[in-house]
Amino acid sequence: MTNHLHLLLTPENAERVPQMLISVGRRYPQSINHGYGRTGTLWGVS
């Protein structure tokens, strides 16, 4: 399957995992939008 990924994390500090996932959640839409020349949310019509 190419529509998902699995993460195997071994953090030194457990509080870093949510911070990393928040960061990924913010950067992923920006990356997709940049690649397709779009703006806004991934689910919006633009």
Protein backbone atom coordinates (compact mmCIF):
# COMPACT_ATOMS: atom_id res chain seq x y z
CA MET A 1 0.00 0.00 0.00
CA THR A 2 1.34 3.40 -0.92
CA ASN A 3 -1.30 5.52 0.80
CA HIS A 4 0.06 5.31 4.35
CA LEU A 5 3.21 4.86 6.37
CA HIS A 6 4.26 3.29 9.63
CA LEU A 7 6.52 4.98 12.17
CA LEU A 8 8.72 3.11 14.58
CA LEU A 9 9.85 5.60 17.22
CA THR A 10 12.21 5.16 20.13
CA PRO A 11 12.42 8.58 21.74
CA GLU A 12 14.70 9.45 24.60
CA ASN A 13 11.90 11.66 25.91
CA ALA A 14 8.26 10.54 25.53
CA GLU A 15 7.02 14.14 25.26
CA ARG A 16 8.86 14.52 21.96
CA VAL A 17 6.60 12.07 20.09
CA PRO A 18 3.48 14.29 20.10
CA GLN A 19 5.61 17.30 19.20
CA MET A 20 7.07 15.45 16.22
CA LEU A 21 3.64 14.32 14.99
CA ILE A 22 2.31 17.88 15.26
CA SER A 23 5.27 19.09 13.24
CA VAL A 24 4.69 16.46 10.55
CA GLY A 25 0.99 17.34 10.48
CA ARG A 26 1.85 20.97 9.81
CA ARG A 27 4.59 20.39 7.26
CA TYR A 28 2.95 17.68 5.15
CA PRO A 29 0.14 19.88 3.77
CA GLN A 30 2.65 22.64 3.04
CA SER A 31 4.82 20.20 1.10
CA ILE A 32 1.90 18.84 -0.92
CA ASN A 33 0.58 22.33 -1.64
CA HIS A 34 4.01 23.50 -2.77
CA GLY A 35 4.36 20.52 -5.10
CA TYR A 36 0.96 21.10 -6.71
CA GLY A 37 1.01 24.90 -6.63
CA ARG A 38 -1.94 25.10 -4.26
CA THR A 39 -2.79 26.87 -1.02
CA GLY A 40 -5.04 26.09 1.93
CA THR A 41 -6.07 22.77 3.40
CA LEU A 42 -5.62 19.50 1.56
CA TRP A 43 -9.37 18.90 1.62
CA GLY A 44 -10.46 22.34 0.41
CA VAL A 45 -11.35 23.21 -3.16
CA SER A 46 -8.88 25.74 -4.49
